[in-house]
C-alpha atoms as a PDB file:
ATOM      1  CA  MET A   1       0.000   0.000   0.000  1.00  0.00           C
ATOM      2  CA  THR A   2       1.346   3.406  -1.021  1.00  0.00           C
ATOM      3  CA  GLY A   3       3.463   4.996   1.713  1.00  0.00           C
ATOM      4  CA  GLY A   4       3.921   1.860   3.798  1.00  0.00           C
ATOM      5  CA  ASP A   5       7.359   1.091   2.392  1.00  0.00           C
ATOM      6  CA  GLU A   6       8.647   4.662   2.555  1.00  0.00           C
ATOM      7  CA  PHE A   7       7.563   5.218   6.165  1.00  0.00           C
ATOM      8  CA  PHE A   8       8.024   1.723   7.613  1.00  0.00           C
ATOM      9  CA  ALA A   9      11.140   0.568   5.709  1.00  0.00           C
ATOM     10  CA  GLY A  10       9.614  -2.033   3.437  1.00  0.00           C
ATOM     11  CA  TYR A  11      11.966  -1.896   0.457  1.00  0.00           C
ATOM     12  CA  PRO A  12      14.897  -4.337   0.242  1.00  0.00           C
ATOM     13  CA  THR A  13      17.009  -1.352  -0.786  1.00  0.00           C
ATOM     14  CA  TYR A  14      17.119  -0.226   2.850  1.00  0.00           C
ATOM     15  CA  THR A  15      18.797  -3.491   3.817  1.00  0.00           C
ATOM     16  CA  ALA A  16      21.079  -3.130   0.800  1.00  0.00           C
ATOM     17  CA  SER A  17      22.038   0.365   1.947  1.00  0.00           C
ATOM     18  CA  LYS A  18      23.012  -0.976   5.369  1.00  0.00           C
ATOM     19  CA  TRP A  19      25.221  -3.610   3.731  1.00  0.00           C
ATOM     20  CA  ALA A  20      26.699  -1.035   1.370  1.00  0.00           C
ATOM     21  CA  ALA A  21      27.806   1.072   4.341  1.00  0.00           C
ATOM     22  CA  ARG A  22      29.508  -1.973   5.901  1.00  0.00           C
ATOM     23  CA  LEU A  23      31.029  -3.651   2.851  1.00  0.00           C
ATOM     24  CA  GLY A  24      31.699  -0.676   0.578  1.00  0.00           C
ATOM     25  CA  PRO A  25      34.971   0.387   2.269  1.00  0.00           C
ATOM     26  CA  LEU A  26      36.440  -3.117   1.816  1.00  0.00           C
ATOM     27  CA  LEU A  27      37.261  -2.398  -1.854  1.00  0.00           C
ATOM     28  CA  PRO A  28      38.082   0.806  -3.747  1.00  0.00           C
ATOM     29  CA  SER A  29      35.355   2.390  -5.833  1.00  0.00           C
ATOM     30  CA  GLY A  30      37.026   1.380  -9.098  1.00  0.00           C
ATOM     31  CA  ALA A  31      37.025  -2.277  -8.099  1.00  0.00           C
ATOM     32  CA  TRP A  32      33.312  -2.200  -7.281  1.00  0.00           C
ATOM     33  CA  ASN A  33      32.651  -0.581 -10.664  1.00  0.00           C
ATOM     34  CA  GLN A  34      34.561  -3.372 -12.386  1.00  0.00           C
ATOM     35  CA  ILE A  35      32.510  -5.969 -10.512  1.00  0.00           C
ATOM     36  CA  GLY A  36      29.309  -4.199 -11.549  1.00  0.00           C
ATOM     37  CA  GLN A  37      30.305  -4.155 -15.206  1.00  0.00           C
ATOM     38  CA  PHE A  38      31.302  -7.825 -14.994  1.00  0.00           C
ATOM     39  CA  PHE A  39      27.849  -8.846 -13.761  1.00  0.00           C
ATOM     40  CA  TYR A  40      25.911  -6.472 -16.013  1.00  0.00           C
ATOM     41  CA  GLY A  41      23.859  -8.350 -18.594  1.00  0.00           C
ATOM     42  CA  PHE A  42      24.496 -11.871 -17.282  1.00  0.00           C
ATOM     43  CA  GLY A  43      21.621 -14.332 -17.456  1.00  0.00           C
ATOM     44  CA  GLY A  44      20.522 -13.287 -20.908  1.00  0.00           C
ATOM     45  CA  ALA A  45      17.890 -16.019 -21.080  1.00  0.00           C
ATOM     46  CA  GLY A  46      16.396 -15.396 -17.637  1.00  0.00           C
ATOM     47  CA  GLN A  47      12.701 -14.632 -17.202  1.00  0.00           C
ATOM     48  CA  LYS A  48      12.634 -13.476 -13.573  1.00  0.00           C
ATOM     49  CA  ARG A  49      11.189 -10.101 -12.711  1.00  0.00           C
ATOM     50  CA  LEU A  50      14.489  -9.042 -11.167  1.00  0.00           C
ATOM     51  CA  PRO A  51      17.262 -11.509 -12.134  1.00  0.00           C
ATOM     52  CA  LEU A  52      20.099 -12.235  -9.721  1.00  0.00           C
ATOM     53  CA  SER A  53      22.571 -10.688 -12.155  1.00  0.00           C
ATOM     54  CA  ALA A  54      20.605  -7.413 -12.079  1.00  0.00           C
ATOM     55  CA  ILE A  55      20.664  -7.417  -8.281  1.00  0.00           C
ATOM     56  CA  ALA A  56      24.422  -8.121  -8.318  1.00  0.00           C
ATOM     57  CA  PHE A  57      25.438  -5.361 -10.708  1.00  0.00           C
ATOM     58  CA  ARG A  58      23.151  -2.803  -9.079  1.00  0.00           C
ATOM     59  CA  PHE A  59      24.533  -3.664  -5.663  1.00  0.00           C
ATOM     60  CA  ALA A  60      28.132  -3.371  -6.906  1.00  0.00           C
ATOM     61  CA  PHE A  61      27.496   0.024  -8.503  1.00  0.00           C
ATOM     62  CA  GLY A  62      25.905   1.177  -5.254  1.00  0.00           C
ATOM     63  CA  MET A  63      29.003   0.065  -3.366  1.00  0.00           C
ATOM     64  CA  ALA A  64      31.132   2.098  -5.751  1.00  0.00           C
ATOM     65  CA  ALA A  65      29.023   5.202  -5.132  1.00  0.00           C
ATOM     66  CA  GLY A  66      29.502   5.108  -1.342  1.00  0.00           C
ATOM     67  CA  PRO A  67      27.020   4.963   1.571  1.00  0.00           C
ATOM     68  CA  ASN A  68      25.473   8.411   1.013  1.00  0.00           C
ATOM     69  CA  GLU A  69      24.817   7.792  -2.681  1.00  0.00           C
ATOM     70  CA  ALA A  70      24.212   4.034  -2.887  1.00  0.00           C
ATOM     71  CA  HIS A  71      20.494   4.290  -2.112  1.00  0.00           C
ATOM     72  CA  ALA A  72      19.956   6.662  -5.024  1.00  0.00           C
ATOM     73  CA  CYS A  73      21.868   4.316  -7.347  1.00  0.00           C
ATOM     74  CA  TRP A  74      19.306   1.586  -6.791  1.00  0.00           C
ATOM     75  CA  ARG A  75      16.858   3.783  -8.739  1.00  0.00           C
ATOM     76  CA  ARG A  76      18.942   3.987 -11.920  1.00  0.00           C
ATOM     77  CA  TYR A  77      17.779   2.111 -15.016  1.00  0.00           C
ATOM     78  CA  VAL A  78      20.699   2.692 -17.397  1.00  0.00           C
ATOM     79  CA  PRO A  79      24.126   2.122 -15.804  1.00  0.00           C
ATOM     80  CA  GLN A  80      26.352   5.183 -15.752  1.00  0.00           C
ATOM     81  CA  PHE A  81      29.149   3.509 -17.737  1.00  0.00           C
ATOM     82  CA  MET A  82      26.838   3.076 -20.771  1.00  0.00           C
ATOM     83  CA  LEU A  83      25.809   6.713 -21.121  1.00  0.00           C
ATOM     84  CA  SER A  84      28.870   7.953 -23.035  1.00  0.00           C
ATOM     85  CA  LYS A  85      28.023   5.552 -25.879  1.00  0.00           C
ATOM     86  CA  LEU A  86      24.246   5.950 -25.790  1.00  0.00           C
ATOM     87  CA  TYR A  87      23.957   9.733 -25.515  1.00  0.00           C
ATOM     88  CA  GLY A  88      23.655  11.534 -28.831  1.00  0.00           C
ATOM     89  CA  SER A  89      24.719  15.094 -29.610  1.00  0.00           C
ATOM     90  CA  ALA A  90      21.732  16.664 -27.812  1.00  0.00           C
ATOM     91  CA  LEU A  91      22.425  14.838 -24.531  1.00  0.00           C
ATOM     92  CA  ARG A  92      26.209  14.632 -24.600  1.00  0.00           C
ATOM     93  CA  PRO A  93      26.626  18.039 -22.868  1.00  0.00           C
ATOM     94  CA  LEU A  94      24.668  16.555 -19.947  1.00  0.00           C
ATOM     95  CA  LEU A  95      27.043  13.659 -19.307  1.00  0.00           C
ATOM     96  CA  GLY A  96      28.494  15.492 -16.314  1.00  0.00           C
ATOM     97  CA  GLU A  97      25.062  16.258 -14.840  1.00  0.00           C
ATOM     98  CA  ASP A  98      23.649  14.070 -12.081  1.00  0.00           C
ATOM     99  CA  PRO A  99      19.838  13.707 -12.208  1.00  0.00           C
ATOM    100  CA  PHE A 100      19.958  12.262  -8.683  1.00  0.00           C
ATOM    101  CA  ARG A 101      21.854  15.206  -7.195  1.00  0.00           C
ATOM    102  CA  GLY A 102      18.955  16.476  -5.079  1.00  0.00           C
ATOM    103  CA  TYR A 103      18.024  12.963  -3.996  1.00  0.00           C
ATOM    104  CA  LYS A 104      21.598  12.261  -2.874  1.00  0.00           C
ATOM    105  CA  ALA A 105      21.839  15.608  -1.093  1.00  0.00           C
ATOM    106  CA  GLU A 106      18.700  14.744   0.865  1.00  0.00           C
ATOM    107  CA  ILE A 107      20.256  11.473   2.027  1.00  0.00           C
ATOM    108  CA  ALA A 108      23.517  13.185   2.946  1.00  0.00           C
ATOM    109  CA  ASN A 109      21.985  16.129   4.812  1.00  0.00           C
ATOM    110  CA  ALA A 110      18.912  14.715   6.563  1.00  0.00           C
ATOM    111  CA  GLU A 111      19.060  13.996  10.285  1.00  0.00           C
ATOM    112  CA  GLY A 112      19.444  10.557  11.845  1.00  0.00           C
ATOM    113  CA  ASP A 113      21.311   7.415  10.886  1.00  0.00           C
ATOM    114  CA  LEU A 114      21.610   6.108   7.332  1.00  0.00           C
ATOM    115  CA  ILE A 115      18.233   4.341   7.235  1.00  0.00           C
ATOM    116  CA  ASP A 116      16.459   7.401   8.664  1.00  0.00           C
ATOM    117  CA  ARG A 117      18.029   9.535   5.949  1.00  0.00           C
ATOM    118  CA  CYS A 118      17.124   7.073   3.186  1.00  0.00           C
ATOM    119  CA  LEU A 119      13.526   7.015   4.421  1.00  0.00           C
ATOM    120  CA  VAL A 120      13.329  10.801   4.424  1.00  0.00           C
ATOM    121  CA  ALA A 121      14.745  10.970   0.885  1.00  0.00           C
ATOM    122  CA  ASP A 122      12.176   8.468  -0.381  1.00  0.00           C
ATOM    123  CA  GLN A 123       9.359  10.314   1.373  1.00  0.00           C
ATOM    124  CA  ARG A 124      10.361  13.620  -0.195  1.00  0.00           C
ATOM    125  CA  TRP A 125      11.456  12.450  -3.648  1.00  0.00           C
ATOM    126  CA  HIS A 126      10.507   8.915  -4.693  1.00  0.00           C
ATOM    127  CA  LEU A 127       7.012   8.896  -3.167  1.00  0.00           C
ATOM    128  CA  PRO A 128       5.578  12.221  -4.457  1.00  0.00           C
ATOM    129  CA  ALA A 129       7.406  12.313  -7.806  1.00  0.00           C
ATOM    130  CA  GLY A 130       6.880   8.656  -8.674  1.00  0.00           C
ATOM    131  CA  LEU A 131       4.373   6.490  -6.855  1.00  0.00           C
ATOM    132  CA  LEU A 132       1.777   9.109  -5.945  1.00  0.00           C
ATOM    133  CA  LEU A 133       1.947  10.626  -9.415  1.00  0.00           C
ATOM    134  CA  LYS A 134       1.268   7.237 -11.034  1.00  0.00           C
ATOM    135  CA  SER A 135      -1.440   6.326  -8.528  1.00  0.00           C
ATOM    136  CA  ASP A 136      -3.205   9.631  -9.073  1.00  0.00           C
ATOM    137  CA  ALA A 137      -3.043   9.367 -12.865  1.00  0.00           C
ATOM    138  CA  MET A 138      -4.253   5.756 -12.974  1.00  0.00           C
ATOM    139  CA  SER A 139      -7.078   6.264 -10.482  1.00  0.00           C
ATOM    140  CA  MET A 140      -8.344   9.353 -12.317  1.00  0.00           C
ATOM    141  CA  ALA A 141      -8.112   7.526 -15.659  1.00  0.00           C
ATOM    142  CA  HIS A 142     -10.558   4.932 -14.288  1.00  0.00           C
ATOM    143  CA  SER A 143     -12.750   7.382 -12.313  1.00  0.00           C
ATOM    144  CA  LEU A 144     -11.655   5.960  -8.963  1.00  0.00           C
ATOM    145  CA  GLU A 145     -11.201   7.871  -5.730  1.00  0.00           C
ATOM    146  CA  LEU A 146      -7.949   6.670  -4.189  1.00  0.00           C
ATOM    147  CA  ARG A 147      -7.190   6.539  -0.474  1.00  0.00           C
ATOM    148  CA  VAL A 148      -3.683   6.305   1.006  1.00  0.00           C
ATOM    149  CA  PRO A 149      -4.173   5.543   4.723  1.00  0.00           C
ATOM    150  CA  PHE A 150      -0.448   5.262   5.465  1.00  0.00           C
ATOM    151  CA  LEU A 151      -0.138   8.925   4.483  1.00  0.00           C
ATOM    152  CA  ASP A 152      -2.453  10.058   7.253  1.00  0.00           C
ATOM    153  CA  ARG A 153      -0.512  12.805   9.071  1.00  0.00           C
ATOM    154  CA  ARG A 154      -0.777  10.984  12.420  1.00  0.00           C
ATOM    155  CA  ILE A 155       0.690   7.772  10.982  1.00  0.00           C
ATOM    156  CA  MET A 156       3.495   9.635   9.212  1.00  0.00           C
ATOM    157  CA  ASP A 157       4.380  11.517  12.394  1.00  0.00           C
ATOM    158  CA  PHE A 158       4.345   8.288  14.389  1.00  0.00           C
ATOM    159  CA  ALA A 159       6.641   6.534  11.900  1.00  0.00           C
ATOM    160  CA  GLY A 160       8.980   9.511  11.976  1.00  0.00           C
ATOM    161  CA  ARG A 161       9.374   9.183  15.760  1.00  0.00           C
ATOM    162  CA  CYS A 162      10.212   5.459  15.595  1.00  0.00           C
ATOM    163  CA  HIS A 163      13.827   4.335  15.831  1.00  0.00           C
ATOM    164  CA  ALA A 164      15.108   2.820  12.599  1.00  0.00           C
ATOM    165  CA  ASP A 165      15.648  -0.542  14.351  1.00  0.00           C
ATOM    166  CA  LEU A 166      11.898  -0.731  15.023  1.00  0.00           C
ATOM    167  CA  LEU A 167      11.157  -0.333  11.320  1.00  0.00           C
ATOM    168  CA  LEU A 168      14.004  -2.401   9.894  1.00  0.00           C
ATOM    169  CA  SER A 169      15.165  -4.864  12.535  1.00  0.00           C
ATOM    170  CA  ARG A 170      18.829  -5.667  13.126  1.00  0.00           C
ATOM    171  CA  GLN A 171      18.084  -9.104  11.659  1.00  0.00           C
ATOM    172  CA  GLY A 172      16.982  -7.441   8.419  1.00  0.00           C
ATOM    173  CA  GLU A 173      13.216  -7.933   8.825  1.00  0.00           C
ATOM    174  CA  LYS A 174      11.491  -5.268   6.743  1.00  0.00           C
ATOM    175  CA  LYS A 175       8.431  -3.404   8.078  1.00  0.00           C
ATOM    176  CA  ALA A 176       9.263  -5.046  11.399  1.00  0.00           C
ATOM    177  CA  LEU A 177       6.895  -2.847  13.413  1.00  0.00           C
ATOM    178  CA  LEU A 178       3.935  -3.480  11.117  1.00  0.00           C
ATOM    179  CA  ARG A 179       4.617  -7.213  11.130  1.00  0.00           C
ATOM    180  CA  ARG A 180       4.643  -7.260  14.942  1.00  0.00           C
ATOM    181  CA  LEU A 181       1.310  -5.450  14.968  1.00  0.00           C
ATOM    182  CA  ALA A 182      -0.111  -7.891  12.407  1.00  0.00           C
ATOM    183  CA  ARG A 183       0.982 -10.850  14.568  1.00  0.00           C
ATOM    184  CA  ARG A 184      -0.770  -9.362  17.604  1.00  0.00           C
ATOM    185  CA  LEU A 185      -3.904  -8.996  15.507  1.00  0.00           C
ATOM    186  CA  LYS A 186      -3.652 -12.710  14.555  1.00  0.00           C
ATOM    187  CA  ALA A 187      -3.145 -11.982  10.868  1.00  0.00           C
ATOM    188  CA  PRO A 188      -2.379 -15.012   8.627  1.00  0.00           C
ATOM    189  CA  SER A 189       1.259 -16.107   8.448  1.00  0.00           C
ATOM    190  CA  ALA A 190       1.247 -15.258   4.743  1.00  0.00           C
ATOM    191  CA  VAL A 191       0.914 -11.640   5.865  1.00  0.00           C
ATOM    192  CA  THR A 192       3.178 -11.641   8.901  1.00  0.00           C
ATOM    193  CA  GLU A 193       5.991 -13.789   7.507  1.00  0.00           C
ATOM    194  CA  GLY A 194       5.589 -13.456   3.747  1.00  0.00           C
ATOM    195  CA  ALA A 195       8.213 -11.910   1.518  1.00  0.00           C
ATOM    196  CA  LYS A 196       7.580  -8.576  -0.123  1.00  0.00           C
ATOM    197  CA  HIS A 197       6.255  -8.827  -3.666  1.00  0.00           C
ATOM    198  CA  GLY A 198       7.028  -5.708  -5.634  1.00  0.00           C
ATOM    199  CA  PHE A 199       5.544  -4.542  -8.903  1.00  0.00           C
ATOM    200  CA  ASN A 200       8.635  -5.202 -11.006  1.00  0.00           C
ATOM    201  CA  ALA A 201       7.481  -6.304 -14.437  1.00  0.00           C
ATOM    202  CA  PRO A 202       9.294  -9.269 -16.044  1.00  0.00           C
ATOM    203  CA  LEU A 203      10.886  -6.897 -18.546  1.00  0.00           C
ATOM    204  CA  ALA A 204      13.328  -9.350 -20.121  1.00  0.00           C
ATOM    205  CA  GLY A 205      10.565 -11.721 -21.198  1.00  0.00           C
ATOM    206  CA  LEU A 206       8.081  -9.003 -22.136  1.00  0.00           C
ATOM    207  CA  LEU A 207      10.558  -7.378 -24.499  1.00  0.00           C
ATOM    208  CA  ARG A 208      11.391 -10.689 -26.171  1.00  0.00           C
ATOM    209  CA  HIS A 209       7.790 -11.837 -26.539  1.00  0.00           C
ATOM    210  CA  GLU A 210       4.696  -9.675 -25.945  1.00  0.00           C
ATOM    211  CA  LEU A 211       6.464  -6.389 -26.774  1.00  0.00           C
ATOM    212  CA  ARG A 212       8.854  -7.770 -29.372  1.00  0.00           C
ATOM    213  CA  SER A 213       7.047  -6.314 -32.394  1.00  0.00           C
ATOM    214  CA  THR A 214       6.970  -2.870 -30.785  1.00  0.00           C
ATOM    215  CA  ALA A 215      10.644  -3.041 -29.858  1.00  0.00           C
ATOM    216  CA  GLU A 216      11.616  -4.205 -33.351  1.00  0.00           C
ATOM    217  CA  ARG A 217       9.682  -1.326 -34.879  1.00  0.00           C
ATOM    218  CA  ILE A 218      11.385   1.263 -32.681  1.00  0.00           C
ATOM    219  CA  PHE A 219      14.935  -0.127 -32.716  1.00  0.00           C
ATOM    220  CA  GLU A 220      15.099  -1.586 -36.218  1.00  0.00           C
ATOM    221  CA  ARG A 221      12.768   0.362 -38.508  1.00  0.00           C
ATOM    222  CA  GLU A 222      12.224   3.714 -36.785  1.00  0.00           C
ATOM    223  CA  ALA A 223      15.446   4.122 -34.826  1.00  0.00           C
ATOM    224  CA  ASP A 224      16.142   7.467 -36.491  1.00  0.00           C
ATOM    225  CA  ALA A 225      13.418   8.895 -34.235  1.00  0.00           C
ATOM    226  CA  LEU A 226      15.820   8.510 -31.316  1.00  0.00           C
ATOM    227  CA  ALA A 227      18.250  11.051 -32.796  1.00  0.00           C
ATOM    228  CA  PRO A 228      19.742  13.429 -31.816  1.00  0.00           C
ATOM    229  CA  PHE A 229      19.234  12.314 -28.223  1.00  0.00           C
ATOM    230  CA  ILE A 230      20.169   8.628 -28.413  1.00  0.00           C
ATOM    231  CA  VAL A 231      22.713   7.039 -30.777  1.00  0.00           C
ATOM    232  CA  ALA A 232      20.495   4.760 -32.854  1.00  0.00           C
ATOM    233  CA  ASP A 233      23.225   2.206 -33.657  1.00  0.00           C
ATOM    234  CA  GLU A 234      24.089   1.758 -29.970  1.00  0.00           C
ATOM    235  CA  ALA A 235      20.440   1.346 -28.990  1.00  0.00           C
ATOM    236  CA  ARG A 236      19.957  -1.150 -31.832  1.00  0.00           C
ATOM    237  CA  LEU A 237      22.968  -3.151 -30.631  1.00  0.00           C
ATOM    238  CA  LEU A 238      21.498  -3.374 -27.120  1.00  0.00           C
ATOM    239  CA  TRP A 239      18.207  -4.556 -28.557  1.00  0.00           C
ATOM    240  CA  ARG A 240      19.756  -7.231 -30.764  1.00  0.00           C
ATOM    241  CA  GLU A 241      21.910  -8.626 -27.968  1.00  0.00           C
ATOM    242  CA  HIS A 242      18.861  -8.791 -25.753  1.00  0.00           C
ATOM    243  CA  ALA A 243      16.520 -10.243 -28.386  1.00  0.00           C
ATOM    244  CA  GLU A 244      19.059 -12.953 -29.215  1.00  0.00           C
ATOM    245  CA  HIS A 245      19.446 -13.907 -25.533  1.00  0.00           C
ATOM    246  CA  ARG A 246      23.124 -12.945 -25.513  1.00  0.00           C
ATOM    247  CA  ARG A 247      22.750 -10.310 -22.775  1.00  0.00           C
ATOM    248  CA  ASP A 248      20.001  -8.987 -20.537  1.00  0.00           C
ATOM    249  CA  HIS A 249      19.689  -5.287 -21.383  1.00  0.00           C
ATOM    250  CA  SER A 250      16.046  -5.057 -20.329  1.00  0.00           C
ATOM    251  CA  TYR A 251      16.416  -2.231 -17.808  1.00  0.00           C
ATOM    252  CA  ALA A 252      18.487  -0.136 -20.225  1.00  0.00           C
ATOM    253  CA  ILE A 253      16.172  -0.834 -23.169  1.00  0.00           C
ATOM    254  CA  TRP A 254      12.968  -0.060 -21.273  1.00  0.00           C
ATOM    255  CA  PRO A 255      13.334   3.753 -20.902  1.00  0.00           C
ATOM    256  CA  ILE A 256      14.799   4.069 -24.421  1.00  0.00           C
ATOM    257  CA  LEU A 257      11.805   2.180 -25.826  1.00  0.00           C
ATOM    258  CA  HIS A 258       9.408   4.532 -24.029  1.00  0.00           C
ATOM    259  CA  PHE A 259      11.303   7.521 -25.367  1.00  0.00           C
ATOM    260  CA  GLY A 260      11.254   6.094 -28.890  1.00  0.00           C
ATOM    261  CA  ILE A 261       7.508   5.469 -28.758  1.00  0.00           C
ATOM    262  CA  SER A 262       6.842   9.028 -27.581  1.00  0.00           C
ATOM    263  CA  ARG A 263       9.041  10.402 -30.364  1.00  0.00           C
ATOM    264  CA  THR A 264       7.299   8.409 -33.093  1.00  0.00           C
ATOM    265  CA  LEU A 265       3.879   9.363 -31.734  1.00  0.00           C
ATOM    266  CA  SER A 266       4.773  13.056 -31.661  1.00  0.00           C
ATOM    267  CA  ARG A 267       5.998  12.810 -35.254  1.00  0.00           C
ATOM    268  CA  SER A 268       2.743  11.228 -36.401  1.00  0.00           C
ATOM    269  CA  VAL A 269       0.710  13.907 -34.610  1.00  0.00           C
ATOM    270  CA  VAL A 270       2.695  16.791 -36.072  1.00  0.00           C
ATOM    271  CA  SER A 271       2.383  15.285 -39.563  1.00  0.00           C
ATOM    272  CA  THR A 272      -1.405  15.741 -39.377  1.00  0.00           C
ATOM    273  CA  PRO A 273      -2.365  19.233 -40.705  1.00  0.00           C
ATOM    274  CA  ALA A 274      -5.075  19.854 -38.096  1.00  0.00           C
ATOM    275  CA  ALA A 275      -2.833  18.657 -35.295  1.00  0.00           C
ATOM    276  CA  SER A 276      -0.009  20.862 -36.573  1.00  0.00           C
ATOM    277  CA  ALA A 277      -2.279  23.892 -36.398  1.00  0.00           C
ATOM    278  CA  ASP A 278      -3.314  22.991 -32.852  1.00  0.00           C
ATOM    279  CA  LEU A 279       0.312  22.652 -31.785  1.00  0.00           C
ATOM    280  CA  LYS A 280       1.168  26.047 -33.297  1.00  0.00           C
ATOM    281  CA  MET A 281      -1.680  27.599 -31.331  1.00  0.00           C
ATOM    282  CA  LEU A 282      -0.370  26.020 -28.158  1.00  0.00           C
ATOM    283  CA  ASP A 283       3.145  27.262 -28.919  1.00  0.00           C
ATOM    284  CA  PHE A 284       1.887  30.837 -29.051  1.00  0.00           C
ATOM    285  CA  GLY A 285      -0.419  30.472 -26.079  1.00  0.00           C
ATOM    286  CA  THR A 286      -3.565  31.374 -28.039  1.00  0.00           C
END
């Protein structure tokens, strides 16, 4: 339920951040980056929602970033080392920019221990800019009135006063406080002891099967629509390696595919005379 993870430490990334703070200093940043690149793309034929190889390379890149930045790295889709090849002329000037700068600053500057700071960053960035935005859009699209009980001010204030060890136990139990409450209320063991099931889509399989025709259209036949932002040949190479089960590039392909679809749609709209006139009116604010 929206807000429960961000206020009661339900994401596995909080546990990962604790381990990153402990294990990160054992190797230099460059070594962790090499480990991340080694694991990137392994398990090309896997169909899991989040393959072990994806967990491994993300964790290694987080280690390389350091304890104050690791938590933000878990959010990245396209690994940093790939950007210099993928970015076209329009994006190349932005290679030195960090889209997670504000998110990382929140983690570094908030009060409390590492988990407290990660929770605050997710409450202020990930929750309102991502989850609540999607929930609001989807509920309105279907004429539903959405309720988010975990975002009641009293519950948020209560969670904010709880020590991090109450939310994420020293043994790594996520949402520990809520689970204890559920046990007292005699909730089924599937609730009190069950593992968290996220909403990660099985991207690798979707791209190779259900979405294959769409991906082939964007990356093979209409790849010029990606320019000048994305280098079409590099994006096509990622797609072919993924489609042929040589590598798992699903998380890198996914945002590029979305961008390509939006570009082709905008081209088709502008090519319509009536739509072109409407867009010109919007441009001039009339």
